[in-house]
């Protein structure tokens, strides 16, 4: 159902970026397929956040109002450069940067695939509840960042 809504959105002009180790049918519709190595999703997401923060593309007002100790987040993601992430994930650094910029600068059409929901990839990677709790701040600060999202 979610994939069909994404397909419809792409037909109406939305941009689809797929982050998945597999070449699923949605990759045919995608502007970009971030074909990361299995189990490296956290590296990819942190590298995307690294670019967003490094280039000042985040929503500072939202961060001030709805987060605490955000400097700790900045410190963590500062270590996840796109170049390092490329070595770990297999996704080219420039694709990570382009995705981060597009995500941060374009309005999203929908919040269809939120990071903290259990998508097939998360289940396949056996991500546990503790990991999801640890990542909840990502969902709040970057609410549209997800496995499969469109901008």
N, C-alpha and C. Protein backbone atom coordinates (compact mmCIF):
# COMPACT_ATOMS: atom_id res chain seq x y z
N UNK A 1 0.82 -1.19 0.00
CA UNK A 1 0.00 0.00 0.00
C UNK A 1 0.87 1.26 0.00
N UNK A 2 1.87 1.27 0.86
CA UNK A 2 2.77 2.41 0.93
C UNK A 2 3.48 2.61 -0.41
N UNK A 3 3.95 1.54 -1.00
CA UNK A 3 4.67 1.63 -2.26
C UNK A 3 3.77 2.18 -3.37
N UNK A 4 2.51 1.80 -3.35
CA UNK A 4 1.58 2.31 -4.37
C UNK A 4 1.37 3.82 -4.21
N UNK A 5 1.30 4.28 -2.96
CA UNK A 5 1.16 5.72 -2.72
C UNK A 5 2.41 6.46 -3.19
N UNK A 6 3.57 5.84 -2.99
CA UNK A 6 4.81 6.46 -3.46
C UNK A 6 4.82 6.53 -4.99
N UNK A 7 4.41 5.46 -5.62
CA UNK A 7 4.36 5.41 -7.08
C UNK A 7 3.44 6.52 -7.62
N UNK A 8 2.31 6.68 -6.98
CA UNK A 8 1.36 7.73 -7.38
C UNK A 8 1.98 9.11 -7.21
N UNK A 9 2.68 9.31 -6.11
CA UNK A 9 3.32 10.59 -5.84
C UNK A 9 4.40 10.89 -6.88
N UNK A 10 5.18 9.88 -7.26
CA UNK A 10 6.21 10.07 -8.29
C UNK A 10 5.56 10.49 -9.60
N UNK A 11 4.45 9.86 -9.92
CA UNK A 11 3.73 10.22 -11.15
C UNK A 11 3.27 11.67 -11.12
N UNK A 12 3.03 12.20 -9.92
CA UNK A 12 2.60 13.59 -9.78
C UNK A 12 3.77 14.55 -9.63
N UNK A 13 5.00 14.04 -9.76
CA UNK A 13 6.16 14.92 -9.74
C UNK A 13 7.06 14.82 -8.53
N UNK A 14 6.74 13.96 -7.58
CA UNK A 14 7.61 13.81 -6.40
C UNK A 14 8.91 13.13 -6.80
N UNK A 15 9.95 13.39 -6.04
CA UNK A 15 11.24 12.74 -6.26
C UNK A 15 11.36 11.61 -5.25
N UNK A 16 11.72 10.45 -5.74
CA UNK A 16 11.86 9.28 -4.88
C UNK A 16 13.33 8.91 -4.77
N UNK A 17 13.79 8.72 -3.56
CA UNK A 17 15.13 8.20 -3.30
C UNK A 17 14.94 6.92 -2.50
N UNK A 18 15.53 5.85 -2.99
CA UNK A 18 15.40 4.55 -2.33
C UNK A 18 16.74 4.18 -1.71
N UNK A 19 16.74 3.88 -0.42
CA UNK A 19 17.93 3.39 0.27
C UNK A 19 17.64 1.94 0.63
N UNK A 20 18.22 1.03 -0.12
CA UNK A 20 17.94 -0.39 0.06
C UNK A 20 19.06 -1.18 -0.60
N UNK A 21 19.53 -2.23 0.05
CA UNK A 21 20.59 -3.04 -0.58
C UNK A 21 20.10 -3.74 -1.85
N UNK A 22 18.81 -3.99 -1.90
CA UNK A 22 18.25 -4.73 -3.03
C UNK A 22 17.79 -3.80 -4.14
N UNK A 23 17.74 -4.31 -5.35
CA UNK A 23 17.16 -3.56 -6.46
C UNK A 23 15.68 -3.93 -6.52
N UNK A 24 14.91 -3.28 -5.65
CA UNK A 24 13.48 -3.54 -5.62
C UNK A 24 12.81 -2.77 -6.75
N UNK A 25 11.57 -3.08 -7.03
CA UNK A 25 10.88 -2.44 -8.17
C UNK A 25 10.81 -0.93 -8.04
N UNK A 26 10.78 -0.40 -6.82
CA UNK A 26 10.72 1.05 -6.63
C UNK A 26 11.97 1.76 -7.15
N UNK A 27 13.08 1.04 -7.23
CA UNK A 27 14.31 1.69 -7.71
C UNK A 27 14.17 2.13 -9.17
N UNK A 28 13.28 1.49 -9.91
CA UNK A 28 13.05 1.89 -11.31
C UNK A 28 12.40 3.26 -11.39
N UNK A 29 11.66 3.65 -10.34
CA UNK A 29 11.00 4.94 -10.30
C UNK A 29 11.86 6.01 -9.63
N UNK A 30 12.90 5.57 -8.95
CA UNK A 30 13.68 6.47 -8.11
C UNK A 30 14.63 7.36 -8.90
N UNK A 31 14.80 8.57 -8.40
CA UNK A 31 15.82 9.47 -8.94
C UNK A 31 17.20 8.92 -8.60
N UNK A 32 17.28 8.35 -7.41
CA UNK A 32 18.55 7.84 -6.91
C UNK A 32 18.30 6.58 -6.08
N UNK A 33 19.14 5.58 -6.32
CA UNK A 33 19.09 4.37 -5.50
C UNK A 33 20.37 4.31 -4.69
N UNK A 34 20.22 4.47 -3.40
CA UNK A 34 21.35 4.38 -2.49
C UNK A 34 21.47 2.91 -2.09
N UNK A 35 22.24 2.17 -2.88
CA UNK A 35 22.34 0.72 -2.67
C UNK A 35 23.43 0.42 -1.65
N UNK A 36 23.04 0.59 -0.39
CA UNK A 36 23.99 0.42 0.70
C UNK A 36 24.18 -1.05 1.04
N UNK A 37 25.28 -1.33 1.69
CA UNK A 37 25.54 -2.69 2.15
C UNK A 37 24.57 -3.01 3.30
N UNK A 38 24.10 -4.26 3.38
CA UNK A 38 23.19 -4.63 4.47
C UNK A 38 23.80 -4.32 5.83
N UNK A 39 22.97 -3.77 6.71
CA UNK A 39 23.39 -3.47 8.07
C UNK A 39 24.13 -2.16 8.24
N UNK A 40 24.21 -1.34 7.19
CA UNK A 40 24.95 -0.08 7.29
C UNK A 40 24.04 1.14 7.26
N UNK A 41 22.76 0.92 7.50
CA UNK A 41 21.77 2.00 7.44
C UNK A 41 22.06 3.12 8.43
N UNK A 42 22.54 2.82 9.61
CA UNK A 42 22.83 3.86 10.60
C UNK A 42 23.96 4.74 10.10
N UNK A 43 24.96 4.14 9.48
CA UNK A 43 26.04 4.93 8.91
C UNK A 43 25.50 5.89 7.85
N UNK A 44 24.64 5.39 6.99
CA UNK A 44 24.08 6.23 5.93
C UNK A 44 23.27 7.38 6.52
N UNK A 45 22.40 7.09 7.44
CA UNK A 45 21.56 8.13 8.04
C UNK A 45 22.39 9.16 8.80
N UNK A 46 23.38 8.70 9.53
CA UNK A 46 24.24 9.64 10.25
C UNK A 46 25.05 10.51 9.29
N UNK A 47 25.49 9.93 8.17
CA UNK A 47 26.23 10.73 7.18
C UNK A 47 25.31 11.77 6.54
N UNK A 48 24.06 11.41 6.29
CA UNK A 48 23.11 12.38 5.76
C UNK A 48 22.91 13.50 6.77
N UNK A 49 22.75 13.14 8.03
CA UNK A 49 22.60 14.18 9.06
C UNK A 49 23.87 15.02 9.18
N UNK A 50 25.03 14.38 9.02
CA UNK A 50 26.30 15.11 9.06
C UNK A 50 26.29 16.23 8.03
N UNK A 51 25.89 15.92 6.81
CA UNK A 51 25.85 16.92 5.74
C UNK A 51 24.85 18.02 6.06
N UNK A 52 23.67 17.63 6.53
CA UNK A 52 22.64 18.62 6.85
C UNK A 52 23.15 19.59 7.91
N UNK A 53 23.79 19.06 8.94
CA UNK A 53 24.30 19.93 10.01
C UNK A 53 25.53 20.71 9.56
N UNK A 54 26.42 20.08 8.83
CA UNK A 54 27.64 20.74 8.37
C UNK A 54 27.33 21.93 7.46
N UNK A 55 26.28 21.78 6.66
CA UNK A 55 25.91 22.84 5.72
C UNK A 55 24.84 23.78 6.27
N UNK A 56 24.46 23.57 7.54
CA UNK A 56 23.50 24.47 8.17
C UNK A 56 22.09 24.38 7.59
N UNK A 57 21.69 23.22 7.15
CA UNK A 57 20.38 23.04 6.51
C UNK A 57 19.29 22.60 7.47
N UNK A 58 19.61 22.42 8.74
CA UNK A 58 18.65 21.96 9.73
C UNK A 58 17.72 23.09 10.19
N UNK A 59 16.64 22.72 10.83
CA UNK A 59 15.66 23.68 11.34
C UNK A 59 16.03 24.02 12.79
N UNK A 60 16.81 25.07 12.97
CA UNK A 60 17.30 25.45 14.30
C UNK A 60 16.16 25.80 15.26
N UNK A 61 15.13 26.42 14.75
CA UNK A 61 13.99 26.77 15.61
C UNK A 61 13.35 25.50 16.18
N UNK A 62 13.16 24.51 15.35
CA UNK A 62 12.58 23.24 15.80
C UNK A 62 13.50 22.58 16.83
N UNK A 63 14.78 22.59 16.56
CA UNK A 63 15.74 21.97 17.47
C UNK A 63 15.70 22.66 18.83
N UNK A 64 15.68 23.99 18.85
CA UNK A 64 15.61 24.73 20.12
C UNK A 64 14.34 24.40 20.89
N UNK A 65 13.23 24.32 20.19
CA UNK A 65 11.94 24.13 20.84
C UNK A 65 11.69 22.71 21.30
N UNK A 66 12.14 21.72 20.54
CA UNK A 66 11.72 20.35 20.81
C UNK A 66 12.82 19.37 21.18
N UNK A 67 14.05 19.83 21.35
CA UNK A 67 15.11 18.90 21.72
C UNK A 67 15.88 19.39 22.93
N UNK A 68 16.61 18.46 23.51
CA UNK A 68 17.51 18.79 24.62
C UNK A 68 18.88 18.21 24.28
N UNK A 69 19.91 18.92 24.67
CA UNK A 69 21.28 18.45 24.50
C UNK A 69 21.59 18.07 23.05
N UNK A 70 21.14 18.89 22.12
CA UNK A 70 21.37 18.59 20.71
C UNK A 70 22.84 18.62 20.34
N UNK A 71 23.65 19.30 21.15
CA UNK A 71 25.09 19.33 20.88
C UNK A 71 25.67 17.91 20.89
N UNK A 72 25.11 17.03 21.69
CA UNK A 72 25.57 15.63 21.71
C UNK A 72 25.30 14.96 20.37
N UNK A 73 24.18 15.28 19.76
CA UNK A 73 23.86 14.75 18.43
C UNK A 73 24.87 15.27 17.42
N UNK A 74 25.13 16.57 17.48
CA UNK A 74 26.10 17.17 16.55
C UNK A 74 27.46 16.48 16.68
N UNK A 75 27.88 16.23 17.92
CA UNK A 75 29.17 15.58 18.14
C UNK A 75 29.21 14.18 17.54
N UNK A 76 28.14 13.44 17.71
CA UNK A 76 28.10 12.07 17.17
C UNK A 76 28.14 12.08 15.65
N UNK A 77 27.24 12.82 15.02
CA UNK A 77 27.18 12.77 13.56
C UNK A 77 28.37 13.46 12.89
N UNK A 78 29.09 14.28 13.62
CA UNK A 78 30.29 14.92 13.06
C UNK A 78 31.33 13.87 12.66
N UNK A 79 31.29 12.72 13.31
CA UNK A 79 32.25 11.64 13.01
C UNK A 79 31.87 10.84 11.77
N UNK A 80 30.66 11.05 11.24
CA UNK A 80 30.16 10.25 10.11
C UNK A 80 30.24 11.05 8.81
N UNK A 81 31.43 11.28 8.34
CA UNK A 81 31.58 12.03 7.09
C UNK A 81 31.08 11.19 5.91
N UNK A 82 30.62 11.83 4.86
CA UNK A 82 30.18 11.07 3.69
C UNK A 82 31.30 10.18 3.11
N UNK A 83 32.53 10.66 3.20
CA UNK A 83 33.65 9.86 2.69
C UNK A 83 33.85 8.59 3.51
N UNK A 84 33.78 8.72 4.84
CA UNK A 84 33.88 7.53 5.69
C UNK A 84 32.68 6.61 5.46
N UNK A 85 31.50 7.22 5.32
CA UNK A 85 30.28 6.44 5.09
C UNK A 85 30.36 5.68 3.77
N UNK A 86 30.98 6.28 2.78
CA UNK A 86 31.14 5.59 1.50
C UNK A 86 31.94 4.30 1.68
N UNK A 87 32.99 4.37 2.48
CA UNK A 87 33.80 3.17 2.73
C UNK A 87 33.00 2.07 3.44
N UNK A 88 32.11 2.47 4.35
CA UNK A 88 31.33 1.51 5.12
C UNK A 88 30.10 1.02 4.36
N UNK A 89 29.37 1.95 3.75
CA UNK A 89 28.08 1.62 3.14
C UNK A 89 28.17 1.22 1.67
N UNK A 90 29.20 1.71 0.99
CA UNK A 90 29.30 1.49 -0.44
C UNK A 90 28.55 2.53 -1.26
N UNK A 91 27.89 3.47 -0.59
CA UNK A 91 27.16 4.55 -1.28
C UNK A 91 28.15 5.69 -1.53
N UNK A 92 28.26 6.15 -2.77
CA UNK A 92 29.20 7.24 -3.05
C UNK A 92 28.93 8.48 -2.19
N UNK A 93 30.00 9.10 -1.74
CA UNK A 93 29.89 10.28 -0.88
C UNK A 93 29.06 11.37 -1.54
N UNK A 94 29.23 11.56 -2.84
CA UNK A 94 28.48 12.62 -3.52
C UNK A 94 26.98 12.31 -3.56
N UNK A 95 26.62 11.03 -3.64
CA UNK A 95 25.20 10.65 -3.59
C UNK A 95 24.62 10.92 -2.20
N UNK A 96 25.43 10.71 -1.18
CA UNK A 96 25.00 11.01 0.19
C UNK A 96 24.77 12.52 0.33
N UNK A 97 25.72 13.30 -0.15
CA UNK A 97 25.60 14.76 -0.06
C UNK A 97 24.39 15.27 -0.85
N UNK A 98 24.22 14.77 -2.05
CA UNK A 98 23.08 15.21 -2.88
C UNK A 98 21.75 14.85 -2.22
N UNK A 99 21.68 13.67 -1.67
CA UNK A 99 20.44 13.24 -1.00
C UNK A 99 20.16 14.11 0.21
N UNK A 100 21.19 14.38 1.00
CA UNK A 100 21.02 15.22 2.19
C UNK A 100 20.54 16.63 1.80
N UNK A 101 21.15 17.19 0.78
CA UNK A 101 20.77 18.54 0.34
C UNK A 101 19.34 18.57 -0.18
N UNK A 102 18.98 17.59 -0.98
CA UNK A 102 17.62 17.53 -1.51
C UNK A 102 16.61 17.37 -0.38
N UNK A 103 16.93 16.47 0.51
CA UNK A 103 16.02 16.21 1.62
C UNK A 103 15.81 17.45 2.47
N UNK A 104 16.90 18.14 2.78
CA UNK A 104 16.83 19.28 3.69
C UNK A 104 16.26 20.53 3.05
N UNK A 105 16.35 20.66 1.74
CA UNK A 105 15.96 21.92 1.12
C UNK A 105 14.63 21.87 0.39
N UNK A 106 14.08 20.68 0.17
CA UNK A 106 12.79 20.58 -0.51
C UNK A 106 11.73 20.18 0.49
N UNK A 107 10.54 20.69 0.28
CA UNK A 107 9.42 20.34 1.16
C UNK A 107 8.99 18.92 0.83
N UNK A 108 8.78 18.11 1.84
CA UNK A 108 8.31 16.75 1.59
C UNK A 108 6.82 16.76 1.32
N UNK A 109 6.38 15.83 0.53
CA UNK A 109 4.97 15.74 0.18
C UNK A 109 4.18 14.98 1.24
N UNK A 110 4.84 14.08 1.90
CA UNK A 110 4.13 13.23 2.85
C UNK A 110 5.15 12.61 3.79
N UNK A 111 4.70 12.18 4.91
CA UNK A 111 5.57 11.48 5.86
C UNK A 111 5.20 10.01 5.82
N UNK A 112 5.38 9.40 4.68
CA UNK A 112 4.91 8.03 4.51
C UNK A 112 5.77 6.99 5.20
N UNK A 113 7.06 7.17 5.14
CA UNK A 113 7.93 6.10 5.63
C UNK A 113 8.87 6.67 6.69
N UNK A 114 8.42 6.74 7.90
CA UNK A 114 9.19 7.35 8.97
C UNK A 114 10.27 6.38 9.45
N UNK A 115 11.37 6.97 9.87
CA UNK A 115 12.54 6.15 10.24
C UNK A 115 12.23 5.16 11.36
N UNK A 116 11.45 5.53 12.33
CA UNK A 116 11.26 4.64 13.48
C UNK A 116 10.21 3.57 13.26
N UNK A 117 9.57 3.56 12.11
CA UNK A 117 8.63 2.47 11.84
C UNK A 117 9.39 1.24 11.41
N UNK A 118 8.83 0.08 11.67
CA UNK A 118 9.50 -1.15 11.27
C UNK A 118 9.18 -1.48 9.82
N UNK A 119 10.09 -1.12 8.94
CA UNK A 119 9.95 -1.46 7.54
C UNK A 119 10.61 -2.81 7.31
N UNK A 120 10.39 -3.35 6.15
CA UNK A 120 10.96 -4.66 5.86
C UNK A 120 12.46 -4.70 6.06
N UNK A 121 13.18 -3.65 5.71
CA UNK A 121 14.62 -3.67 5.88
C UNK A 121 15.02 -3.70 7.34
N UNK A 122 14.30 -2.97 8.17
CA UNK A 122 14.64 -2.97 9.58
C UNK A 122 14.39 -4.33 10.19
N UNK A 123 13.32 -4.96 9.77
CA UNK A 123 13.04 -6.31 10.26
C UNK A 123 14.14 -7.25 9.77
N UNK A 124 14.50 -7.13 8.50
CA UNK A 124 15.54 -7.98 7.92
C UNK A 124 16.87 -7.78 8.63
N UNK A 125 17.13 -6.56 9.06
CA UNK A 125 18.38 -6.27 9.75
C UNK A 125 18.28 -6.53 11.25
N UNK A 126 17.14 -7.03 11.69
CA UNK A 126 16.93 -7.38 13.09
C UNK A 126 17.22 -6.22 14.03
N UNK A 127 16.72 -5.05 13.69
CA UNK A 127 16.89 -3.89 14.55
C UNK A 127 15.95 -4.06 15.74
N UNK A 128 16.45 -3.91 16.92
CA UNK A 128 15.63 -4.16 18.11
C UNK A 128 15.01 -2.87 18.66
N UNK A 129 14.16 -3.05 19.65
CA UNK A 129 13.45 -1.91 20.25
C UNK A 129 14.40 -0.89 20.84
N UNK A 130 15.46 -1.35 21.49
CA UNK A 130 16.40 -0.42 22.10
C UNK A 130 17.03 0.48 21.04
N UNK A 131 17.39 -0.10 19.90
CA UNK A 131 17.94 0.70 18.81
C UNK A 131 16.93 1.74 18.36
N UNK A 132 15.69 1.35 18.20
CA UNK A 132 14.67 2.28 17.75
C UNK A 132 14.46 3.41 18.76
N UNK A 133 14.49 3.08 20.06
CA UNK A 133 14.37 4.13 21.07
C UNK A 133 15.55 5.09 20.96
N UNK A 134 16.76 4.55 20.76
CA UNK A 134 17.94 5.39 20.63
C UNK A 134 17.84 6.31 19.42
N UNK A 135 17.13 5.87 18.40
CA UNK A 135 17.03 6.65 17.17
C UNK A 135 15.80 7.55 17.12
N UNK A 136 14.97 7.54 18.14
CA UNK A 136 13.76 8.35 18.12
C UNK A 136 14.06 9.83 17.91
N UNK A 137 15.16 10.32 18.46
CA UNK A 137 15.49 11.73 18.28
C UNK A 137 15.66 12.06 16.81
N UNK A 138 16.14 11.11 16.01
CA UNK A 138 16.29 11.37 14.58
C UNK A 138 14.93 11.62 13.95
N UNK A 139 13.95 10.86 14.36
CA UNK A 139 12.61 11.00 13.79
C UNK A 139 12.02 12.35 14.13
N UNK A 140 12.35 12.88 15.30
CA UNK A 140 11.80 14.17 15.71
C UNK A 140 12.53 15.35 15.06
N UNK A 141 13.83 15.23 14.92
CA UNK A 141 14.61 16.33 14.38
C UNK A 141 14.58 16.34 12.87
N UNK A 142 14.62 15.16 12.29
CA UNK A 142 14.58 15.00 10.83
C UNK A 142 13.37 14.12 10.51
N UNK A 143 12.14 14.64 10.64
CA UNK A 143 10.94 13.80 10.59
C UNK A 143 10.69 13.10 9.27
N UNK A 144 11.32 13.51 8.21
CA UNK A 144 11.04 12.89 6.92
C UNK A 144 12.11 11.90 6.50
N UNK A 145 13.18 11.81 7.27
CA UNK A 145 14.28 10.94 6.92
C UNK A 145 13.86 9.51 7.20
N UNK A 146 14.00 8.66 6.23
CA UNK A 146 13.53 7.29 6.38
C UNK A 146 14.23 6.40 5.37
N UNK A 147 13.94 5.14 5.47
CA UNK A 147 14.49 4.19 4.51
C UNK A 147 14.11 4.58 3.10
N UNK A 148 12.84 4.74 2.92
CA UNK A 148 12.34 5.12 1.61
C UNK A 148 11.54 6.39 1.83
N UNK A 149 11.95 7.43 1.20
CA UNK A 149 11.24 8.69 1.39
C UNK A 149 11.20 9.41 0.06
N UNK A 150 10.33 10.34 -0.02
CA UNK A 150 10.36 11.18 -1.20
C UNK A 150 10.18 12.62 -0.83
N UNK A 151 10.89 13.45 -1.62
CA UNK A 151 10.88 14.89 -1.39
C UNK A 151 10.19 15.57 -2.54
